[in-house]
Structure formats: C-alpha cells, structure tokens
Amino acid sequence: MNGQEVPVACDPTAIAATDRPRYSQLIKQLRSAVRDRHELSDGFVYELDSKAIALTEVAEWITLERLCCPFLTFNLQVAGGGDPRLTLRGPDGVKAILQEEFPRK
C-alpha cells in the first residue's frame, strides 16, 4: 500500500454501521462453511463448503473485511467443480488474529 507498512490491527468501525449486520451474517456463514484449514508460514488456506456459502457471499465478505483489516491479502481459488479455497495471508501477527477469527472446530 504505497510502500507504507499497514499495522496488524482490525478496525471494525471502518465498516459502515449500515453494513455491519450483513457483515455479521456473512462472517457467521463463512465460519460455518470452513471444512478444513491448512497452515502457511504467513496465514491459512481455508477449504469451504460451497453448499454452505456462495462464491458471491465470500466475495461480499472479502469486500467488507478488507475495509477493517487492510493488512490481509485475500485469494479466492475455485478449480473446476470443486469447493472453493480461501487463502488469507499477512505480516507477522496475522496468524493469531486468524486463529481467533476462525477457530478450529
């Protein structure tokens, strides 16, 4: 981001108050859609159940999440007819945030 380091700190107020109910709904849906996760050196890959969340809903969540967590790098991968994979990466400290946001089931 313009060569400046973005702090690893979430700012929920960056999401408009009118969008927060939808964000809450999407994060709950996304958490329930996570079937498995794989640890990376700088984040996690989450395997999602496509029956539990639509790709458009994942994209909508990313659109909102990047407002409050600009330090994250998002990658949504869809291969053929398989379930999507969401990769979340970031600088040191991001894994602890992600483990809290998406705890193991």
PDB file of N, CA and C in Angstrom:
ATOM      1  N   MET A   1       0.834  -1.189   0.000  1.00  0.00           N
ATOM      2  CA  MET A   1       0.000   0.000   0.000  1.00  0.00           C
ATOM      3  C   MET A   1       0.876   1.249   0.000  1.00  0.00           C
ATOM      4  N   ASN A   2       1.233   1.726  -1.135  1.00  0.00           N
ATOM      5  CA  ASN A   2       2.036   2.938  -1.281  1.00  0.00           C
ATOM      6  C   ASN A   2       3.357   2.856  -0.533  1.00  0.00           C
ATOM      7  N   GLY A   3       3.900   1.649  -0.340  1.00  0.00           N
ATOM      8  CA  GLY A   3       5.181   1.498   0.327  1.00  0.00           C
ATOM      9  C   GLY A   3       5.131   1.659   1.832  1.00  0.00           C
ATOM     10  N   GLN A   4       3.958   1.941   2.376  1.00  0.00           N
ATOM     11  CA  GLN A   4       3.826   2.107   3.817  1.00  0.00           C
ATOM     12  C   GLN A   4       3.382   0.794   4.431  1.00  0.00           C
ATOM     13  N   GLU A   5       3.928   0.500   5.602  1.00  0.00           N
ATOM     14  CA  GLU A   5       3.544  -0.714   6.309  1.00  0.00           C
ATOM     15  C   GLU A   5       2.208  -0.486   7.007  1.00  0.00           C
ATOM     16  N   VAL A   6       1.279  -1.415   6.790  1.00  0.00           N
ATOM     17  CA  VAL A   6      -0.039  -1.325   7.405  1.00  0.00           C
ATOM     18  C   VAL A   6       0.009  -2.058   8.732  1.00  0.00           C
ATOM     19  N   PRO A   7      -0.439  -1.418   9.833  1.00  0.00           N
ATOM     20  CA  PRO A   7      -0.408  -2.102  11.127  1.00  0.00           C
ATOM     21  C   PRO A   7      -1.361  -3.300  11.153  1.00  0.00           C
ATOM     22  N   VAL A   8      -0.964  -4.324  11.909  1.00  0.00           N
ATOM     23  CA  VAL A   8      -1.797  -5.515  12.067  1.00  0.00           C
ATOM     24  C   VAL A   8      -2.769  -5.248  13.203  1.00  0.00           C
ATOM     25  N   ALA A   9      -3.850  -4.564  12.859  1.00  0.00           N
ATOM     26  CA  ALA A   9      -4.892  -4.225  13.820  1.00  0.00           C
ATOM     27  C   ALA A   9      -6.197  -4.052  13.057  1.00  0.00           C
ATOM     28  N   CYS A  10      -7.233  -4.730  13.521  1.00  0.00           N
ATOM     29  CA  CYS A  10      -8.536  -4.620  12.876  1.00  0.00           C
ATOM     30  C   CYS A  10      -9.243  -3.352  13.356  1.00  0.00           C
ATOM     31  N   ASP A  11      -9.976  -2.718  12.460  1.00  0.00           N
ATOM     32  CA  ASP A  11     -10.755  -1.531  12.783  1.00  0.00           C
ATOM     33  C   ASP A  11     -12.192  -1.752  12.330  1.00  0.00           C
ATOM     34  N   PRO A  12     -13.022  -2.375  13.196  1.00  0.00           N
ATOM     35  CA  PRO A  12     -14.405  -2.666  12.813  1.00  0.00           C
ATOM     36  C   PRO A  12     -15.207  -1.424  12.437  1.00  0.00           C
ATOM     37  N   THR A  13     -14.801  -0.253  12.928  1.00  0.00           N
ATOM     38  CA  THR A  13     -15.530   0.971  12.597  1.00  0.00           C
ATOM     39  C   THR A  13     -15.319   1.379  11.139  1.00  0.00           C
ATOM     40  N   ALA A  14     -14.369   0.751  10.451  1.00  0.00           N
ATOM     41  CA  ALA A  14     -14.156   1.038   9.034  1.00  0.00           C
ATOM     42  C   ALA A  14     -15.308   0.501   8.181  1.00  0.00           C
ATOM     43  N   ILE A  15     -16.073  -0.432   8.730  1.00  0.00           N
ATOM     44  CA  ILE A  15     -17.267  -0.947   8.054  1.00  0.00           C
ATOM     45  C   ILE A  15     -18.433  -0.058   8.482  1.00  0.00           C
ATOM     46  N   ALA A  16     -19.147   0.486   7.513  1.00  0.00           N
ATOM     47  CA  ALA A  16     -20.273   1.385   7.809  1.00  0.00           C
ATOM     48  C   ALA A  16     -21.285   0.697   8.718  1.00  0.00           C
ATOM     49  N   ALA A  17     -21.850   1.461   9.622  1.00  0.00           N
ATOM     50  CA  ALA A  17     -22.834   0.924  10.572  1.00  0.00           C
ATOM     51  C   ALA A  17     -23.980   0.221   9.851  1.00  0.00           C
ATOM     52  N   THR A  18     -24.357   0.720   8.700  1.00  0.00           N
ATOM     53  CA  THR A  18     -25.449   0.102   7.942  1.00  0.00           C
ATOM     54  C   THR A  18     -25.051  -1.255   7.350  1.00  0.00           C
ATOM     55  N   ASP A  19     -23.737  -1.479   7.180  1.00  0.00           N
ATOM     56  CA  ASP A  19     -23.248  -2.742   6.618  1.00  0.00           C
ATOM     57  C   ASP A  19     -22.883  -3.770   7.678  1.00  0.00           C
ATOM     58  N   ARG A  20     -22.812  -3.367   8.939  1.00  0.00           N
ATOM     59  CA  ARG A  20     -22.355  -4.295   9.985  1.00  0.00           C
ATOM     60  C   ARG A  20     -23.283  -5.489  10.205  1.00  0.00           C
ATOM     61  N   PRO A  21     -24.610  -5.329  10.156  1.00  0.00           N
ATOM     62  CA  PRO A  21     -25.461  -6.522  10.306  1.00  0.00           C
ATOM     63  C   PRO A  21     -25.193  -7.555   9.197  1.00  0.00           C
ATOM     64  N   ARG A  22     -25.024  -7.089   7.972  1.00  0.00           N
ATOM     65  CA  ARG A  22     -24.735  -8.011   6.869  1.00  0.00           C
ATOM     66  C   ARG A  22     -23.363  -8.650   7.063  1.00  0.00           C
ATOM     67  N   TYR A  23     -22.387  -7.864   7.498  1.00  0.00           N
ATOM     68  CA  TYR A  23     -21.050  -8.395   7.772  1.00  0.00           C
ATOM     69  C   TYR A  23     -21.136  -9.493   8.832  1.00  0.00           C
ATOM     70  N   SER A  24     -21.866  -9.262   9.892  1.00  0.00           N
ATOM     71  CA  SER A  24     -22.016 -10.267  10.962  1.00  0.00           C
ATOM     72  C   SER A  24     -22.630 -11.551  10.429  1.00  0.00           C
ATOM     73  N   GLN A  25     -23.618 -11.404   9.576  1.00  0.00           N
ATOM     74  CA  GLN A  25     -24.252 -12.576   8.968  1.00  0.00           C
ATOM     75  C   GLN A  25     -23.258 -13.336   8.095  1.00  0.00           C
ATOM     76  N   LEU A  26     -22.494 -12.605   7.293  1.00  0.00           N
ATOM     77  CA  LEU A  26     -21.538 -13.245   6.392  1.00  0.00           C
ATOM     78  C   LEU A  26     -20.416 -13.947   7.147  1.00  0.00           C
ATOM     79  N   ILE A  27     -19.890 -13.335   8.216  1.00  0.00           N
ATOM     80  CA  ILE A  27     -18.790 -13.967   8.954  1.00  0.00           C
ATOM     81  C   ILE A  27     -19.268 -15.249   9.637  1.00  0.00           C
ATOM     82  N   LYS A  28     -20.486 -15.245  10.147  1.00  0.00           N
ATOM     83  CA  LYS A  28     -21.036 -16.472  10.748  1.00  0.00           C
ATOM     84  C   LYS A  28     -21.173 -17.556   9.695  1.00  0.00           C
ATOM     85  N   GLN A  29     -21.670 -17.170   8.541  1.00  0.00           N
ATOM     86  CA  GLN A  29     -21.856 -18.123   7.446  1.00  0.00           C
ATOM     87  C   GLN A  29     -20.506 -18.657   6.967  1.00  0.00           C
ATOM     88  N   LEU A  30     -19.521 -17.782   6.857  1.00  0.00           N
ATOM     89  CA  LEU A  30     -18.196 -18.197   6.417  1.00  0.00           C
ATOM     90  C   LEU A  30     -17.565 -19.149   7.432  1.00  0.00           C
ATOM     91  N   ARG A  31     -17.661 -18.820   8.710  1.00  0.00           N
ATOM     92  CA  ARG A  31     -17.108 -19.709   9.747  1.00  0.00           C
ATOM     93  C   ARG A  31     -17.726 -21.095   9.662  1.00  0.00           C
ATOM     94  N   SER A  32     -19.037 -21.150   9.448  1.00  0.00           N
ATOM     95  CA  SER A  32     -19.703 -22.461   9.394  1.00  0.00           C
ATOM     96  C   SER A  32     -19.371 -23.201   8.101  1.00  0.00           C
ATOM     97  N   ALA A  33     -18.926 -22.484   7.064  1.00  0.00           N
ATOM     98  CA  ALA A  33     -18.593 -23.110   5.791  1.00  0.00           C
ATOM     99  C   ALA A  33     -17.180 -23.685   5.764  1.00  0.00           C
ATOM    100  N   VAL A  34     -16.339 -23.316   6.730  1.00  0.00           N
ATOM    101  CA  VAL A  34     -14.959 -23.808   6.747  1.00  0.00           C
ATOM    102  C   VAL A  34     -14.956 -25.297   7.088  1.00  0.00           C
ATOM    103  N   ARG A  35     -14.492 -26.105   6.135  1.00  0.00           N
ATOM    104  CA  ARG A  35     -14.409 -27.556   6.355  1.00  0.00           C
ATOM    105  C   ARG A  35     -13.060 -27.957   6.907  1.00  0.00           C
ATOM    106  N   ASP A  36     -12.029 -27.251   6.478  1.00  0.00           N
ATOM    107  CA  ASP A  36     -10.673 -27.586   6.898  1.00  0.00           C
ATOM    108  C   ASP A  36      -9.802 -26.359   6.709  1.00  0.00           C
ATOM    109  N   ARG A  37      -8.660 -26.365   7.405  1.00  0.00           N
ATOM    110  CA  ARG A  37      -7.700 -25.278   7.198  1.00  0.00           C
ATOM    111  C   ARG A  37      -6.300 -25.855   7.168  1.00  0.00           C
ATOM    112  N   HIS A  38      -5.458 -25.194   6.385  1.00  0.00           N
ATOM    113  CA  HIS A  38      -4.065 -25.595   6.243  1.00  0.00           C
ATOM    114  C   HIS A  38      -3.205 -24.391   6.592  1.00  0.00           C
ATOM    115  N   GLU A  39      -2.259 -24.613   7.466  1.00  0.00           N
ATOM    116  CA  GLU A  39      -1.407 -23.534   7.925  1.00  0.00           C
ATOM    117  C   GLU A  39      -0.312 -23.224   6.912  1.00  0.00           C
ATOM    118  N   LEU A  40      -0.082 -21.940   6.712  1.00  0.00           N
ATOM    119  CA  LEU A  40       1.008 -21.437   5.883  1.00  0.00           C
ATOM    120  C   LEU A  40       1.963 -20.672   6.791  1.00  0.00           C
ATOM    121  N   SER A  41       3.104 -20.303   6.289  1.00  0.00           N
ATOM    122  CA  SER A  41       4.051 -19.542   7.109  1.00  0.00           C
ATOM    123  C   SER A  41       3.496 -18.173   7.476  1.00  0.00           C
ATOM    124  N   ASP A  42       2.619 -17.628   6.628  1.00  0.00           N
ATOM    125  CA  ASP A  42       2.103 -16.279   6.857  1.00  0.00           C
ATOM    126  C   ASP A  42       0.582 -16.202   6.853  1.00  0.00           C
ATOM    127  N   GLY A  43      -0.085 -17.323   7.122  1.00  0.00           N
ATOM    128  CA  GLY A  43      -1.549 -17.313   7.150  1.00  0.00           C
ATOM    129  C   GLY A  43      -2.129 -18.714   7.087  1.00  0.00           C
ATOM    130  N   PHE A  44      -3.310 -18.807   6.470  1.00  0.00           N
ATOM    131  CA  PHE A  44      -4.022 -20.079   6.378  1.00  0.00           C
ATOM    132  C   PHE A  44      -4.756 -20.184   5.049  1.00  0.00           C
ATOM    133  N   VAL A  45      -4.963 -21.429   4.612  1.00  0.00           N
ATOM    134  CA  VAL A  45      -5.844 -21.741   3.488  1.00  0.00           C
ATOM    135  C   VAL A  45      -7.053 -22.435   4.097  1.00  0.00           C
ATOM    136  N   TYR A  46      -8.234 -21.927   3.791  1.00  0.00           N
ATOM    137  CA  TYR A  46      -9.480 -22.494   4.301  1.00  0.00           C
ATOM    138  C   TYR A  46     -10.227 -23.164   3.158  1.00  0.00           C
ATOM    139  N   GLU A  47     -10.565 -24.426   3.351  1.00  0.00           N
ATOM    140  CA  GLU A  47     -11.400 -25.133   2.388  1.00  0.00           C
ATOM    141  C   GLU A  47     -12.849 -24.890   2.787  1.00  0.00           C
ATOM    142  N   LEU A  48     -13.634 -24.395   1.834  1.00  0.00           N
ATOM    143  CA  LEU A  48     -15.011 -24.001   2.114  1.00  0.00           C
ATOM    144  C   LEU A  48     -16.005 -24.981   1.510  1.00  0.00           C
ATOM    145  N   ASP A  49     -17.105 -25.145   2.180  1.00  0.00           N
ATOM    146  CA  ASP A  49     -18.217 -25.960   1.687  1.00  0.00           C
ATOM    147  C   ASP A  49     -19.092 -25.058   0.823  1.00  0.00           C
ATOM    148  N   SER A  50     -19.116 -25.310  -0.479  1.00  0.00           N
ATOM    149  CA  SER A  50     -19.867 -24.448  -1.396  1.00  0.00           C
ATOM    150  C   SER A  50     -21.375 -24.538  -1.205  1.00  0.00           C
ATOM    151  N   LYS A  51     -21.828 -25.540  -0.456  1.00  0.00           N
ATOM    152  CA  LYS A  51     -23.257 -25.625  -0.148  1.00  0.00           C
ATOM    153  C   LYS A  51     -23.621 -24.724   1.025  1.00  0.00           C
ATOM    154  N   ALA A  52     -22.618 -24.327   1.804  1.00  0.00           N
ATOM    155  CA  ALA A  52     -22.862 -23.500   2.992  1.00  0.00           C
ATOM    156  C   ALA A  52     -22.705 -22.001   2.717  1.00  0.00           C
ATOM    157  N   ILE A  53     -21.964 -21.662   1.656  1.00  0.00           N
ATOM    158  CA  ILE A  53     -21.767 -20.252   1.306  1.00  0.00           C
ATOM    159  C   ILE A  53     -21.498 -20.142  -0.189  1.00  0.00           C
ATOM    160  N   ALA A  54     -22.158 -19.179  -0.815  1.00  0.00           N
ATOM    161  CA  ALA A  54     -21.976 -18.947  -2.251  1.00  0.00           C
ATOM    162  C   ALA A  54     -20.711 -18.128  -2.499  1.00  0.00           C
ATOM    163  N   LEU A  55     -20.134 -18.285  -3.674  1.00  0.00           N
ATOM    164  CA  LEU A  55     -18.942 -17.507  -4.033  1.00  0.00           C
ATOM    165  C   LEU A  55     -19.211 -16.004  -3.934  1.00  0.00           C
ATOM    166  N   THR A  56     -20.402 -15.597  -4.328  1.00  0.00           N
ATOM    167  CA  THR A  56     -20.732 -14.168  -4.248  1.00  0.00           C
ATOM    168  C   THR A  56     -20.749 -13.685  -2.805  1.00  0.00           C
ATOM    169  N   GLU A  57     -21.137 -14.552  -1.879  1.00  0.00           N
ATOM    170  CA  GLU A  57     -21.138 -14.183  -0.459  1.00  0.00           C
ATOM    171  C   GLU A  57     -19.715 -14.105   0.085  1.00  0.00           C
ATOM    172  N   VAL A  58     -18.841 -15.003  -0.357  1.00  0.00           N
ATOM    173  CA  VAL A  58     -17.432 -14.931   0.045  1.00  0.00           C
ATOM    174  C   VAL A  58     -16.834 -13.625  -0.475  1.00  0.00           C
ATOM    175  N   ALA A  59     -17.125 -13.290  -1.725  1.00  0.00           N
ATOM    176  CA  ALA A  59     -16.618 -12.042  -2.307  1.00  0.00           C
ATOM    177  C   ALA A  59     -17.176 -10.827  -1.559  1.00  0.00           C
ATOM    178  N   GLU A  60     -18.424 -10.882  -1.163  1.00  0.00           N
ATOM    179  CA  GLU A  60     -19.028  -9.789  -0.395  1.00  0.00           C
ATOM    180  C   GLU A  60     -18.328  -9.641   0.959  1.00  0.00           C
ATOM    181  N   TRP A  61     -18.034 -10.778   1.612  1.00  0.00           N
ATOM    182  CA  TRP A  61     -17.314 -10.731   2.891  1.00  0.00           C
ATOM    183  C   TRP A  61     -15.924 -10.124   2.699  1.00  0.00           C
ATOM    184  N   ILE A  62     -15.214 -10.543   1.653  1.00  0.00           N
ATOM    185  CA  ILE A  62     -13.883 -10.001   1.372  1.00  0.00           C
ATOM    186  C   ILE A  62     -13.966  -8.481   1.191  1.00  0.00           C
ATOM    187  N   THR A  63     -14.971  -8.028   0.456  1.00  0.00           N
ATOM    188  CA  THR A  63     -15.146  -6.593   0.213  1.00  0.00           C
ATOM    189  C   THR A  63     -15.263  -5.820   1.523  1.00  0.00           C
ATOM    190  N   LEU A  64     -15.981  -6.367   2.482  1.00  0.00           N
ATOM    191  CA  LEU A  64     -16.147  -5.700   3.778  1.00  0.00           C
ATOM    192  C   LEU A  64     -14.926  -5.908   4.673  1.00  0.00           C
ATOM    193  N   GLU A  65     -14.402  -7.120   4.689  1.00  0.00           N
ATOM    194  CA  GLU A  65     -13.283  -7.450   5.578  1.00  0.00           C
ATOM    195  C   GLU A  65     -12.042  -6.620   5.252  1.00  0.00           C
ATOM    196  N   ARG A  66     -11.815  -6.360   3.992  1.00  0.00           N
ATOM    197  CA  ARG A  66     -10.618  -5.601   3.620  1.00  0.00           C
ATOM    198  C   ARG A  66     -10.682  -4.151   4.090  1.00  0.00           C
ATOM    199  N   LEU A  67     -11.887  -3.669   4.410  1.00  0.00           N
ATOM    200  CA  LEU A  67     -12.015  -2.321   4.976  1.00  0.00           C
ATOM    201  C   LEU A  67     -11.467  -2.277   6.396  1.00  0.00           C
ATOM    202  N   CYS A  68     -11.816  -3.288   7.201  1.00  0.00           N
ATOM    203  CA  CYS A  68     -11.401  -3.273   8.610  1.00  0.00           C
ATOM    204  C   CYS A  68     -10.039  -3.932   8.831  1.00  0.00           C
ATOM    205  N   CYS A  69      -9.611  -4.750   7.894  1.00  0.00           N
ATOM    206  CA  CYS A  69      -8.323  -5.456   8.034  1.00  0.00           C
ATOM    207  C   CYS A  69      -7.494  -5.289   6.764  1.00  0.00           C
ATOM    208  N   PRO A  70      -7.000  -4.074   6.492  1.00  0.00           N
ATOM    209  CA  PRO A  70      -6.272  -3.819   5.250  1.00  0.00           C
ATOM    210  C   PRO A  70      -4.917  -4.507   5.169  1.00  0.00           C
ATOM    211  N   PHE A  71      -4.475  -5.113   6.261  1.00  0.00           N
ATOM    212  CA  PHE A  71      -3.194  -5.818   6.275  1.00  0.00           C
ATOM    213  C   PHE A  71      -3.302  -7.219   5.683  1.00  0.00           C
ATOM    214  N   LEU A  72      -4.516  -7.712   5.463  1.00  0.00           N
ATOM    215  CA  LEU A  72      -4.716  -9.058   4.927  1.00  0.00           C
ATOM    216  C   LEU A  72      -4.589  -9.075   3.413  1.00  0.00           C
ATOM    217  N   THR A  73      -4.084 -10.191   2.905  1.00  0.00           N
ATOM    218  CA  THR A  73      -4.091 -10.473   1.472  1.00  0.00           C
ATOM    219  C   THR A  73      -5.073 -11.618   1.270  1.00  0.00           C
ATOM    220  N   PHE A  74      -6.003 -11.437   0.357  1.00  0.00           N
ATOM    221  CA  PHE A  74      -7.068 -12.404   0.097  1.00  0.00           C
ATOM    222  C   PHE A  74      -6.843 -13.082  -1.245  1.00  0.00           C
ATOM    223  N   ASN A  75      -7.117 -14.388  -1.294  1.00  0.00           N
ATOM    224  CA  ASN A  75      -7.055 -15.127  -2.547  1.00  0.00           C
ATOM    225  C   ASN A  75      -8.166 -16.154  -2.510  1.00  0.00           C
ATOM    226  N   LEU A  76      -9.122 -16.014  -3.408  1.00  0.00           N
ATOM    227  CA  LEU A  76     -10.226 -16.966  -3.512  1.00  0.00           C
ATOM    228  C   LEU A  76      -9.974 -17.807  -4.758  1.00  0.00           C
ATOM    229  N   GLN A  77      -9.829 -19.112  -4.551  1.00  0.00           N
ATOM    230  CA  GLN A  77      -9.495 -20.027  -5.643  1.00  0.00           C
ATOM    231  C   GLN A  77     -10.636 -21.012  -5.845  1.00  0.00           C
ATOM    232  N   VAL A  78     -11.023 -21.145  -7.120  1.00  0.00           N
ATOM    233  CA  VAL A  78     -12.063 -22.105  -7.483  1.00  0.00           C
ATOM    234  C   VAL A  78     -11.525 -22.915  -8.655  1.00  0.00           C
ATOM    235  N   ALA A  79     -11.465 -24.232  -8.484  1.00  0.00           N
ATOM    236  CA  ALA A  79     -10.949 -25.108  -9.537  1.00  0.00           C
ATOM    237  C   ALA A  79     -12.050 -26.047  -9.997  1.00  0.00           C
ATOM    238  N   GLY A  80     -12.421 -25.927 -11.249  1.00  0.00           N
ATOM    239  CA  GLY A  80     -13.437 -26.820 -11.808  1.00  0.00           C
ATOM    240  C   GLY A  80     -14.701 -26.827 -10.972  1.00  0.00           C
ATOM    241  N   GLY A  81     -15.197 -28.006 -10.698  1.00  0.00           N
ATOM    242  CA  GLY A  81     -16.417 -28.137  -9.913  1.00  0.00           C
ATOM    243  C   GLY A  81     -16.163 -28.332  -8.433  1.00  0.00           C
ATOM    244  N   GLY A  82     -14.904 -28.178  -8.000  1.00  0.00           N
ATOM    245  CA  GLY A  82     -14.569 -28.394  -6.600  1.00  0.00           C
ATOM    246  C   GLY A  82     -14.983 -27.247  -5.698  1.00  0.00           C
ATOM    247  N   ASP A  83     -14.880 -27.476  -4.418  1.00  0.00           N
ATOM    248  CA  ASP A  83     -15.197 -26.442  -3.442  1.00  0.00           C
ATOM    249  C   ASP A  83     -14.121 -25.366  -3.451  1.00  0.00           C
ATOM    250  N   PRO A  84     -14.507 -24.135  -3.135  1.00  0.00           N
ATOM    251  CA  PRO A  84     -13.541 -23.036  -3.137  1.00  0.00           C
ATOM    252  C   PRO A  84     -12.557 -23.108  -1.976  1.00  0.00           C
ATOM    253  N   ARG A  85     -11.430 -22.453  -2.181  1.00  0.00           N
ATOM    254  CA  ARG A  85     -10.400 -22.316  -1.148  1.00  0.00           C
ATOM    255  C   ARG A  85     -10.136 -20.831  -0.963  1.00  0.00           C
ATOM    256  N   LEU A  86     -10.146 -20.398   0.272  1.00  0.00           N
ATOM    257  CA  LEU A  86      -9.886 -19.008   0.616  1.00  0.00           C
ATOM    258  C   LEU A  86      -8.552 -18.941   1.346  1.00  0.00           C
ATOM    259  N   THR A  87      -7.602 -18.210   0.777  1.00  0.00           N
ATOM    260  CA  THR A  87      -6.304 -18.040   1.407  1.00  0.00           C
ATOM    261  C   THR A  87      -6.238 -16.638   1.997  1.00  0.00           C
ATOM    262  N   LEU A  88      -5.884 -16.572   3.277  1.00  0.00           N
ATOM    263  CA  LEU A  88      -5.706 -15.299   3.974  1.00  0.00           C
ATOM    264  C   LEU A  88      -4.274 -15.249   4.469  1.00  0.00           C
ATOM    265  N   ARG A  89      -3.565 -14.193   4.085  1.00  0.00           N
ATOM    266  CA  ARG A  89      -2.159 -14.041   4.452  1.00  0.00           C
ATOM    267  C   ARG A  89      -1.920 -12.620   4.939  1.00  0.00           C
ATOM    268  N   GLY A  90      -0.792 -12.473   5.644  1.00  0.00           N
ATOM    269  CA  GLY A  90      -0.431 -11.146   6.099  1.00  0.00           C
ATOM    270  C   GLY A  90       0.902 -11.142   6.817  1.00  0.00           C
ATOM    271  N   PRO A  91       1.242 -10.000   7.390  1.00  0.00           N
ATOM    272  CA  PRO A  91       2.522  -9.863   8.082  1.00  0.00           C
ATOM    273  C   PRO A  91       2.530 -10.604   9.422  1.00  0.00           C
ATOM    274  N   ASP A  92       3.672 -10.566  10.095  1.00  0.00           N
ATOM    275  CA  ASP A  92       3.796 -11.185  11.423  1.00  0.00           C
ATOM    276  C   ASP A  92       2.633 -10.765  12.304  1.00  0.00           C
ATOM    277  N   GLY A  93       2.071 -11.734  13.003  1.00  0.00           N
ATOM    278  CA  GLY A  93       0.960 -11.468  13.912  1.00  0.00           C
ATOM    279  C   GLY A  93      -0.403 -11.790  13.326  1.00  0.00           C
ATOM    280  N   VAL A  94      -0.465 -11.960  12.012  1.00  0.00           N
ATOM    281  CA  VAL A  94      -1.760 -12.193  11.385  1.00  0.00           C
ATOM    282  C   VAL A  94      -2.322 -13.571  11.717  1.00  0.00           C
ATOM    283  N   LYS A  95      -1.466 -14.556  11.891  1.00  0.00           N
ATOM    284  CA  LYS A  95      -1.964 -15.906  12.167  1.00  0.00           C
ATOM    285  C   LYS A  95      -2.740 -15.966  13.480  1.00  0.00           C
ATOM    286  N   ALA A  96      -2.302 -15.240  14.487  1.00  0.00           N
ATOM    287  CA  ALA A  96      -3.020 -15.220  15.769  1.00  0.00           C
ATOM    288  C   ALA A  96      -4.414 -14.624  15.593  1.00  0.00           C
ATOM    289  N   ILE A  97      -4.520 -13.586  14.790  1.00  0.00           N
ATOM    290  CA  ILE A  97      -5.825 -12.965  14.527  1.00  0.00           C
ATOM    291  C   ILE A  97      -6.727 -13.934  13.788  1.00  0.00           C
ATOM    292  N   LEU A  98      -6.180 -14.605  12.782  1.00  0.00           N
ATOM    293  CA  LEU A  98      -6.974 -15.552  12.001  1.00  0.00           C
ATOM    294  C   LEU A  98      -7.408 -16.753  12.838  1.00  0.00           C
ATOM    295  N   GLN A  99      -6.547 -17.221  13.737  1.00  0.00           N
ATOM    296  CA  GLN A  99      -6.925 -18.349  14.601  1.00  0.00           C
ATOM    297  C   GLN A  99      -8.073 -17.960  15.527  1.00  0.00           C
ATOM    298  N   GLU A 100      -8.099 -16.713  15.938  1.00  0.00           N
ATOM    299  CA  GLU A 100      -9.194 -16.236  16.785  1.00  0.00           C
ATOM    300  C   GLU A 100     -10.472 -16.059  15.969  1.00  0.00           C
ATOM    301  N   GLU A 101     -10.323 -15.532  14.758  1.00  0.00           N
ATOM    302  CA  GLU A 101     -11.470 -15.272  13.895  1.00  0.00           C
ATOM    303  C   GLU A 101     -12.092 -16.567  13.362  1.00  0.00           C
ATOM    304  N   PHE A 102     -11.236 -17.537  13.055  1.00  0.00           N
ATOM    305  CA  PHE A 102     -11.685 -18.816  12.513  1.00  0.00           C
ATOM    306  C   PHE A 102     -11.111 -19.963  13.350  1.00  0.00           C
ATOM    307  N   PRO A 103     -11.642 -20.167  14.564  1.00  0.00           N
ATOM    308  CA  PRO A 103     -11.111 -21.237  15.417  1.00  0.00           C
ATOM    309  C   PRO A 103     -11.385 -22.610  14.813  1.00  0.00           C
ATOM    310  N   ARG A 104     -10.518 -23.564  15.153  1.00  0.00           N
ATOM    311  CA  ARG A 104     -10.722 -24.948  14.710  1.00  0.00           C
ATOM    312  C   ARG A 104     -12.006 -25.473  15.318  1.00  0.00           C
ATOM    313  N   LYS A 105     -12.710 -26.255  14.517  1.00  0.00           N
ATOM    314  CA  LYS A 105     -13.975 -26.829  15.001  1.00  0.00           C
ATOM    315  C   LYS A 105     -13.720 -28.057  15.822  1.00  0.00           C
TER     316      LYS A 105
END
